[in-house]
Amino acid sequence: MVPSLPLDELSTVFARLSGMLLTQEKVDPALTSLAGAIKAAVPGAVGAGVTLIDAEGHRTSTGYTDEVVAEADALQYSLNHGPCLTAWAKRTTVRMDDVSADPRWPLWSSAVASMPIRSVLSSPLLYGSGALGALKVYASTPHAFPASSQAMLELTALPAATLLANAQGSDAPQRLSAGLTNALTSRDAINAASGVLMERHGLRKEEALRELLQLAETQSSTVRDTALRVLGSTAAGGRTPHGL
């Protein structure tokens, strides 16, 4: 059964999307509005976001509601696997009912183990014969997303993909927006900091990511900020101890 869509909320957002997607600088705030509407419409969601593939092939979140979404996505890009990337690559909706028990993306599941992420739902932004990216929602409890949530996300993705395809096909400037820059910085910082920890402590990549996550939790900091501190410590010429 197709669920009742929150028409007032989503129709307002799509109207804003249609009006805002005129220049590249305005894409991010439009997508952030869409992410906010998705989070509000999906019961149990602790965060929502949009992943796009840009003209140069970079995978990055350009709109998200919460820092946990940006961090979880940055880890997917760093590891080059995860539910949202699979939704885009295979052009099908991906649902993880229990991150701790799902065997499909073990490195990513291990990396987000300390985050409030136990369920994931991601639908591709399909347009023509391709996919522009994916919408995603995260929840802090297992089995948070029933079939009705999946149907709602898939129905939301259809008009969103059309609007985004039209925006990407325009003559709009291709300058990186602030949100895109931050997402790329997060991904690159986590990659680089993981490399530092691998070299300093003889760790494998997944172990280095886990170490970075533990440091962030100990310091009550975001993974991105912790990664930047690791890199700053190295640039200053000091060693990077486990406790930073």
C-alpha atoms as a PDB file:
ATOM      1  CA  MET A   1       0.000   0.000   0.000  1.00  0.00           C
ATOM      2  CA  VAL A   2       1.382   3.414  -0.969  1.00  0.00           C
ATOM      3  CA  PRO A   3       1.669   5.611   2.116  1.00  0.00           C
ATOM      4  CA  SER A   4       0.080   9.009   2.487  1.00  0.00           C
ATOM      5  CA  LEU A   5       2.737  11.553   1.686  1.00  0.00           C
ATOM      6  CA  PRO A   6       3.109  14.642   3.865  1.00  0.00           C
ATOM      7  CA  LEU A   7       1.962  16.711   0.896  1.00  0.00           C
ATOM      8  CA  ASP A   8       2.089  20.114   2.519  1.00  0.00           C
ATOM      9  CA  GLU A   9       5.678  19.632   3.649  1.00  0.00           C
ATOM     10  CA  LEU A  10       7.060  17.952   0.546  1.00  0.00           C
ATOM     11  CA  SER A  11       5.167  20.007  -2.003  1.00  0.00           C
ATOM     12  CA  THR A  12       6.480  23.179  -0.369  1.00  0.00           C
ATOM     13  CA  VAL A  13      10.018  21.821  -0.475  1.00  0.00           C
ATOM     14  CA  PHE A  14       9.737  20.828  -4.139  1.00  0.00           C
ATOM     15  CA  ALA A  15       8.397  24.279  -4.979  1.00  0.00           C
ATOM     16  CA  ARG A  16      11.464  25.762  -3.266  1.00  0.00           C
ATOM     17  CA  LEU A  17      13.735  23.309  -5.058  1.00  0.00           C
ATOM     18  CA  SER A  18      12.279  24.292  -8.406  1.00  0.00           C
ATOM     19  CA  GLY A  19      12.847  27.956  -7.692  1.00  0.00           C
ATOM     20  CA  MET A  20      16.272  27.613  -6.067  1.00  0.00           C
ATOM     21  CA  LEU A  21      18.056  25.252  -8.439  1.00  0.00           C
ATOM     22  CA  LEU A  22      19.125  28.048 -10.762  1.00  0.00           C
ATOM     23  CA  THR A  23      22.792  28.353  -9.813  1.00  0.00           C
ATOM     24  CA  GLN A  24      25.263  25.936  -8.277  1.00  0.00           C
ATOM     25  CA  GLU A  25      25.575  28.193  -5.238  1.00  0.00           C
ATOM     26  CA  LYS A  26      21.907  27.578  -4.398  1.00  0.00           C
ATOM     27  CA  VAL A  27      21.917  23.789  -4.772  1.00  0.00           C
ATOM     28  CA  ASP A  28      23.105  23.059  -1.241  1.00  0.00           C
ATOM     29  CA  PRO A  29      20.463  25.055   0.661  1.00  0.00           C
ATOM     30  CA  ALA A  30      17.754  23.549  -1.556  1.00  0.00           C
ATOM     31  CA  LEU A  31      18.995  20.042  -0.811  1.00  0.00           C
ATOM     32  CA  THR A  32      19.269  20.825   2.889  1.00  0.00           C
ATOM     33  CA  SER A  33      15.599  21.810   2.815  1.00  0.00           C
ATOM     34  CA  LEU A  34      14.775  18.532   1.089  1.00  0.00           C
ATOM     35  CA  ALA A  35      16.783  16.572   3.668  1.00  0.00           C
ATOM     36  CA  GLY A  36      14.925  18.350   6.469  1.00  0.00           C
ATOM     37  CA  ALA A  37      11.563  17.481   4.946  1.00  0.00           C
ATOM     38  CA  ILE A  38      12.584  13.832   4.562  1.00  0.00           C
ATOM     39  CA  LYS A  39      13.750  13.628   8.177  1.00  0.00           C
ATOM     40  CA  ALA A  40      10.470  15.130   9.370  1.00  0.00           C
ATOM     41  CA  ALA A  41       8.415  12.794   7.173  1.00  0.00           C
ATOM     42  CA  VAL A  42      10.124   9.515   8.148  1.00  0.00           C
ATOM     43  CA  PRO A  43       9.290   8.381  11.701  1.00  0.00           C
ATOM     44  CA  GLY A  44      12.330   7.472  13.764  1.00  0.00           C
ATOM     45  CA  ALA A  45      14.879   9.263  11.580  1.00  0.00           C
ATOM     46  CA  VAL A  46      17.783  10.909  13.416  1.00  0.00           C
ATOM     47  CA  GLY A  47      19.195  12.402  10.233  1.00  0.00           C
ATOM     48  CA  ALA A  48      18.682  12.614   6.481  1.00  0.00           C
ATOM     49  CA  GLY A  49      20.720  13.759   3.541  1.00  0.00           C
ATOM     50  CA  VAL A  50      21.394  13.752  -0.175  1.00  0.00           C
ATOM     51  CA  THR A  51      24.418  12.267  -1.927  1.00  0.00           C
ATOM     52  CA  LEU A  52      25.240  13.514  -5.422  1.00  0.00           C
ATOM     53  CA  ILE A  53      27.822  12.601  -8.036  1.00  0.00           C
ATOM     54  CA  ASP A  54      29.350  15.808  -9.339  1.00  0.00           C
ATOM     55  CA  ALA A  55      30.641  16.520 -12.854  1.00  0.00           C
ATOM     56  CA  GLU A  56      34.125  15.261 -11.918  1.00  0.00           C
ATOM     57  CA  GLY A  57      32.877  12.024 -10.409  1.00  0.00           C
ATOM     58  CA  HIS A  58      33.270  12.988  -6.754  1.00  0.00           C
ATOM     59  CA  ARG A  59      30.834  11.424  -4.293  1.00  0.00           C
ATOM     60  CA  THR A  60      29.779  13.939  -1.659  1.00  0.00           C
ATOM     61  CA  SER A  61      26.875  14.918   0.584  1.00  0.00           C
ATOM     62  CA  THR A  62      25.606  18.298  -0.523  1.00  0.00           C
ATOM     63  CA  GLY A  63      22.660  18.517   1.842  1.00  0.00           C
ATOM     64  CA  TYR A  64      22.168  16.985   5.273  1.00  0.00           C
ATOM     65  CA  THR A  65      20.315  17.673   8.502  1.00  0.00           C
ATOM     66  CA  ASP A  66      22.793  16.541  11.162  1.00  0.00           C
ATOM     67  CA  GLU A  67      26.533  16.142  11.601  1.00  0.00           C
ATOM     68  CA  VAL A  68      26.123  12.382  12.094  1.00  0.00           C
ATOM     69  CA  VAL A  69      24.941  12.158   8.468  1.00  0.00           C
ATOM     70  CA  ALA A  70      28.001  14.025   7.175  1.00  0.00           C
ATOM     71  CA  GLU A  71      30.342  11.829   9.236  1.00  0.00           C
ATOM     72  CA  ALA A  72      28.685   8.553   8.235  1.00  0.00           C
ATOM     73  CA  ASP A  73      28.785   9.595   4.573  1.00  0.00           C
ATOM     74  CA  ALA A  74      32.416  10.715   4.758  1.00  0.00           C
ATOM     75  CA  LEU A  75      33.315   7.255   6.053  1.00  0.00           C
ATOM     76  CA  GLN A  76      31.527   5.667   3.095  1.00  0.00           C
ATOM     77  CA  TYR A  77      33.554   7.810   0.693  1.00  0.00           C
ATOM     78  CA  SER A  78      36.773   7.022   2.539  1.00  0.00           C
ATOM     79  CA  LEU A  79      36.116   3.277   2.449  1.00  0.00           C
ATOM     80  CA  ASN A  80      34.510   3.415  -1.001  1.00  0.00           C
ATOM     81  CA  HIS A  81      31.625   1.246   0.110  1.00  0.00           C
ATOM     82  CA  GLY A  82      28.408   1.519   2.097  1.00  0.00           C
ATOM     83  CA  PRO A  83      24.620   1.446   1.717  1.00  0.00           C
ATOM     84  CA  CYS A  84      24.189   4.855   0.051  1.00  0.00           C
ATOM     85  CA  LEU A  85      26.939   4.249  -2.487  1.00  0.00           C
ATOM     86  CA  THR A  86      25.397   0.856  -3.268  1.00  0.00           C
ATOM     87  CA  ALA A  87      21.940   2.412  -3.705  1.00  0.00           C
ATOM     88  CA  TRP A  88      23.447   4.776  -6.269  1.00  0.00           C
ATOM     89  CA  ALA A  89      25.648   2.199  -8.022  1.00  0.00           C
ATOM     90  CA  LYS A  90      22.980  -0.529  -8.268  1.00  0.00           C
ATOM     91  CA  ARG A  91      20.104   1.923  -8.798  1.00  0.00           C
ATOM     92  CA  THR A  92      17.944   0.282  -6.196  1.00  0.00           C
ATOM     93  CA  THR A  93      16.735   1.076  -2.691  1.00  0.00           C
ATOM     94  CA  VAL A  94      18.945  -0.285   0.077  1.00  0.00           C
ATOM     95  CA  ARG A  95      17.665  -0.964   3.582  1.00  0.00           C
ATOM     96  CA  MET A  96      19.757  -1.994   6.579  1.00  0.00           C
ATOM     97  CA  ASP A  97      17.515  -3.165   9.403  1.00  0.00           C
ATOM     98  CA  ASP A  98      20.384  -3.653  11.849  1.00  0.00           C
ATOM     99  CA  VAL A  99      23.789  -2.189  11.080  1.00  0.00           C
ATOM    100  CA  SER A 100      25.470  -4.380  13.702  1.00  0.00           C
ATOM    101  CA  ALA A 101      24.122  -7.586  12.136  1.00  0.00           C
ATOM    102  CA  ASP A 102      24.221  -6.771   8.407  1.00  0.00           C
ATOM    103  CA  PRO A 103      27.271  -8.374   6.707  1.00  0.00           C
ATOM    104  CA  ARG A 104      27.220  -6.405   3.451  1.00  0.00           C
ATOM    105  CA  TRP A 105      29.533  -3.493   4.380  1.00  0.00           C
ATOM    106  CA  PRO A 106      31.617  -4.725   7.340  1.00  0.00           C
ATOM    107  CA  LEU A 107      34.221  -1.952   7.339  1.00  0.00           C
ATOM    108  CA  TRP A 108      31.632   0.816   7.273  1.00  0.00           C
ATOM    109  CA  SER A 109      29.454  -0.926   9.868  1.00  0.00           C
ATOM    110  CA  SER A 110      32.470  -1.234  12.156  1.00  0.00           C
ATOM    111  CA  ALA A 111      33.428   2.400  11.570  1.00  0.00           C
ATOM    112  CA  VAL A 112      29.992   3.723  12.588  1.00  0.00           C
ATOM    113  CA  ALA A 113      29.577   1.339  15.532  1.00  0.00           C
ATOM    114  CA  SER A 114      29.976   4.160  18.074  1.00  0.00           C
ATOM    115  CA  MET A 115      27.543   6.460  16.241  1.00  0.00           C
ATOM    116  CA  PRO A 116      23.757   6.568  16.806  1.00  0.00           C
ATOM    117  CA  ILE A 117      23.153   4.642  13.586  1.00  0.00           C
ATOM    118  CA  ARG A 118      21.394   1.272  13.667  1.00  0.00           C
ATOM    119  CA  SER A 119      19.073   1.464  10.653  1.00  0.00           C
ATOM    120  CA  VAL A 120      19.677   2.909   7.190  1.00  0.00           C
ATOM    121  CA  LEU A 121      17.368   3.528   4.262  1.00  0.00           C
ATOM    122  CA  SER A 122      18.677   4.886   0.959  1.00  0.00           C
ATOM    123  CA  SER A 123      16.972   5.359  -2.425  1.00  0.00           C
ATOM    124  CA  PRO A 124      18.695   6.285  -5.698  1.00  0.00           C
ATOM    125  CA  LEU A 125      17.958   9.507  -7.541  1.00  0.00           C
ATOM    126  CA  LEU A 126      17.032   7.900 -10.841  1.00  0.00           C
ATOM    127  CA  TYR A 127      16.860   9.951 -14.014  1.00  0.00           C
ATOM    128  CA  GLY A 128      16.695   8.431 -17.472  1.00  0.00           C
ATOM    129  CA  SER A 129      18.946   5.407 -17.544  1.00  0.00           C
ATOM    130  CA  GLY A 130      21.261   6.654 -14.812  1.00  0.00           C
ATOM    131  CA  ALA A 131      21.389   7.717 -11.181  1.00  0.00           C
ATOM    132  CA  LEU A 132      22.457  11.150  -9.956  1.00  0.00           C
ATOM    133  CA  GLY A 133      23.045  10.002  -6.381  1.00  0.00           C
ATOM    134  CA  ALA A 134      20.855   8.921  -3.486  1.00  0.00           C
ATOM    135  CA  LEU A 135      18.620  10.102  -0.666  1.00  0.00           C
ATOM    136  CA  LYS A 136      19.246   8.575   2.735  1.00  0.00           C
ATOM    137  CA  VAL A 137      17.871   8.471   6.277  1.00  0.00           C
ATOM    138  CA  TYR A 138      19.492   7.111   9.425  1.00  0.00           C
ATOM    139  CA  ALA A 139      17.864   5.908  12.658  1.00  0.00           C
ATOM    140  CA  SER A 140      19.295   5.104  16.086  1.00  0.00           C
ATOM    141  CA  THR A 141      17.210   1.944  16.593  1.00  0.00           C
ATOM    142  CA  PRO A 142      17.170  -1.343  14.636  1.00  0.00           C
ATOM    143  CA  HIS A 143      14.280  -2.109  12.262  1.00  0.00           C
ATOM    144  CA  ALA A 144      13.235   1.538  12.267  1.00  0.00           C
ATOM    145  CA  PHE A 145      12.068   1.770   8.653  1.00  0.00           C
ATOM    146  CA  PRO A 146       8.991  -0.219   7.544  1.00  0.00           C
ATOM    147  CA  ALA A 147       7.873  -0.709   3.957  1.00  0.00           C
ATOM    148  CA  SER A 148       5.817   2.496   4.129  1.00  0.00           C
ATOM    149  CA  SER A 149       8.958   4.550   4.841  1.00  0.00           C
ATOM    150  CA  GLN A 150      10.705   2.909   1.916  1.00  0.00           C
ATOM    151  CA  ALA A 151       7.801   3.684  -0.426  1.00  0.00           C
ATOM    152  CA  MET A 152       7.728   7.300   0.748  1.00  0.00           C
ATOM    153  CA  LEU A 153      11.459   7.762   0.144  1.00  0.00           C
ATOM    154  CA  GLU A 154      11.252   6.210  -3.315  1.00  0.00           C
ATOM    155  CA  LEU A 155       8.333   8.440  -4.271  1.00  0.00           C
ATOM    156  CA  THR A 156      10.193  11.495  -2.985  1.00  0.00           C
ATOM    157  CA  ALA A 157      13.286  10.604  -5.016  1.00  0.00           C
ATOM    158  CA  LEU A 158      11.461  10.721  -8.359  1.00  0.00           C
ATOM    159  CA  PRO A 159      10.638  14.456  -8.586  1.00  0.00           C
ATOM    160  CA  ALA A 160      13.852  15.335  -6.737  1.00  0.00           C
ATOM    161  CA  ALA A 161      15.934  13.573  -9.398  1.00  0.00           C
ATOM    162  CA  THR A 162      14.103  15.386 -12.189  1.00  0.00           C
ATOM    163  CA  LEU A 163      14.714  18.787 -10.607  1.00  0.00           C
ATOM    164  CA  LEU A 164      18.375  18.001  -9.954  1.00  0.00           C
ATOM    165  CA  ALA A 165      18.930  16.707 -13.477  1.00  0.00           C
ATOM    166  CA  ASN A 166      17.504  19.917 -14.907  1.00  0.00           C
ATOM    167  CA  ALA A 167      19.707  21.999 -12.620  1.00  0.00           C
ATOM    168  CA  GLN A 168      22.827  20.036 -13.509  1.00  0.00           C
ATOM    169  CA  GLY A 169      22.044  20.398 -17.196  1.00  0.00           C
ATOM    170  CA  SER A 170      21.826  24.191 -17.028  1.00  0.00           C
ATOM    171  CA  ASP A 171      24.591  26.708 -17.708  1.00  0.00           C
ATOM    172  CA  ALA A 172      24.919  27.423 -13.991  1.00  0.00           C
ATOM    173  CA  PRO A 173      28.383  28.151 -12.588  1.00  0.00           C
ATOM    174  CA  GLN A 174      30.230  25.055 -11.400  1.00  0.00           C
ATOM    175  CA  ARG A 175      31.941  26.639  -8.396  1.00  0.00           C
ATOM    176  CA  LEU A 176      32.019  24.575  -5.224  1.00  0.00           C
ATOM    177  CA  SER A 177      29.521  25.734  -2.620  1.00  0.00           C
ATOM    178  CA  ALA A 178      30.400  25.956   1.049  1.00  0.00           C
ATOM    179  CA  GLY A 179      28.540  22.743   1.851  1.00  0.00           C
ATOM    180  CA  LEU A 180      30.311  20.818  -0.885  1.00  0.00           C
ATOM    181  CA  THR A 181      33.666  22.159   0.230  1.00  0.00           C
ATOM    182  CA  ASN A 182      32.984  21.079   3.824  1.00  0.00           C
ATOM    183  CA  ALA A 183      31.946  17.598   2.725  1.00  0.00           C
ATOM    184  CA  LEU A 184      35.055  17.177   0.579  1.00  0.00           C
ATOM    185  CA  THR A 185      37.200  18.483   3.437  1.00  0.00           C
ATOM    186  CA  SER A 186      35.633  15.931   5.798  1.00  0.00           C
ATOM    187  CA  ARG A 187      36.281  13.050   3.421  1.00  0.00           C
ATOM    188  CA  ASP A 188      39.851  14.089   2.625  1.00  0.00           C
ATOM    189  CA  ALA A 189      40.705  14.857   6.261  1.00  0.00           C
ATOM    190  CA  ILE A 190      39.438  11.472   7.456  1.00  0.00           C
ATOM    191  CA  ASN A 191      41.402   9.718   4.690  1.00  0.00           C
ATOM    192  CA  ALA A 192      44.589  11.616   5.486  1.00  0.00           C
ATOM    193  CA  ALA A 193      44.294  11.258   9.270  1.00  0.00           C
ATOM    194  CA  SER A 194      43.652   7.528   8.902  1.00  0.00           C
ATOM    195  CA  GLY A 195      46.841   7.303   6.853  1.00  0.00           C
ATOM    196  CA  VAL A 196      48.770   9.085   9.590  1.00  0.00           C
ATOM    197  CA  LEU A 197      47.480   6.680  12.246  1.00  0.00           C
ATOM    198  CA  MET A 198      48.245   3.698  10.016  1.00  0.00           C
ATOM    199  CA  GLU A 199      51.844   4.852   9.607  1.00  0.00           C
ATOM    200  CA  ARG A 200      52.426   5.893  13.220  1.00  0.00           C
ATOM    201  CA  HIS A 201      50.900   2.838  14.885  1.00  0.00           C
ATOM    202  CA  GLY A 202      51.121   0.121  12.231  1.00  0.00           C
ATOM    203  CA  LEU A 203      47.345  -0.125  11.875  1.00  0.00           C
ATOM    204  CA  ARG A 204      45.202  -1.448   9.061  1.00  0.00           C
ATOM    205  CA  LYS A 205      42.770   1.026   7.495  1.00  0.00           C
ATOM    206  CA  GLU A 206      39.714  -0.189   9.408  1.00  0.00           C
ATOM    207  CA  GLU A 207      41.721  -0.129  12.652  1.00  0.00           C
ATOM    208  CA  ALA A 208      42.852   3.430  11.959  1.00  0.00           C
ATOM    209  CA  LEU A 209      39.267   4.524  11.314  1.00  0.00           C
ATOM    210  CA  ARG A 210      38.167   2.881  14.546  1.00  0.00           C
ATOM    211  CA  GLU A 211      40.990   4.642  16.391  1.00  0.00           C
ATOM    212  CA  LEU A 212      39.869   7.968  14.908  1.00  0.00           C
ATOM    213  CA  LEU A 213      36.283   7.341  15.981  1.00  0.00           C
ATOM    214  CA  GLN A 214      37.388   6.450  19.502  1.00  0.00           C
ATOM    215  CA  LEU A 215      39.455   9.627  19.708  1.00  0.00           C
ATOM    216  CA  ALA A 216      36.460  11.677  18.594  1.00  0.00           C
ATOM    217  CA  GLU A 217      34.227  10.027  21.189  1.00  0.00           C
ATOM    218  CA  THR A 218      36.792  10.508  23.974  1.00  0.00           C
ATOM    219  CA  GLN A 219      37.191  14.172  23.083  1.00  0.00           C
ATOM    220  CA  SER A 220      33.450  14.733  22.540  1.00  0.00           C
ATOM    221  CA  SER A 221      34.334  16.009  19.080  1.00  0.00           C
ATOM    222  CA  THR A 222      33.271  15.327  15.509  1.00  0.00           C
ATOM    223  CA  VAL A 223      35.287  12.871  13.432  1.00  0.00           C
ATOM    224  CA  ARG A 224      36.173  15.671  11.013  1.00  0.00           C
ATOM    225  CA  ASP A 225      37.542  17.964  13.732  1.00  0.00           C
ATOM    226  CA  THR A 226      39.477  15.101  15.323  1.00  0.00           C
ATOM    227  CA  ALA A 227      40.973  14.228  11.932  1.00  0.00           C
ATOM    228  CA  LEU A 228      42.045  17.845  11.428  1.00  0.00           C
ATOM    229  CA  ARG A 229      43.711  17.829  14.876  1.00  0.00           C
ATOM    230  CA  VAL A 230      45.604  14.653  13.990  1.00  0.00           C
ATOM    231  CA  LEU A 231      46.818  16.308  10.792  1.00  0.00           C
ATOM    232  CA  GLY A 232      47.671  19.521  12.638  1.00  0.00           C
ATOM    233  CA  SER A 233      49.709  17.607  15.175  1.00  0.00           C
ATOM    234  CA  THR A 234      51.646  15.897  12.401  1.00  0.00           C
ATOM    235  CA  ALA A 235      52.203  19.147  10.498  1.00  0.00           C
ATOM    236  CA  ALA A 236      53.621  20.691  13.672  1.00  0.00           C
ATOM    237  CA  GLY A 237      56.298  17.989  13.709  1.00  0.00           C
ATOM    238  CA  GLY A 238      55.050  16.030  16.682  1.00  0.00           C
ATOM    239  CA  ARG A 239      54.150  12.380  16.877  1.00  0.00           C
ATOM    240  CA  THR A 240      50.492  11.423  16.982  1.00  0.00           C
ATOM    241  CA  PRO A 241      49.964   9.353  20.132  1.00  0.00           C
ATOM    242  CA  HIS A 242      46.915   7.143  20.597  1.00  0.00           C
ATOM    243  CA  GLY A 243      45.467   9.655  23.015  1.00  0.00           C
ATOM    244  CA  LEU A 244      46.386  12.583  20.760  1.00  0.00           C
END
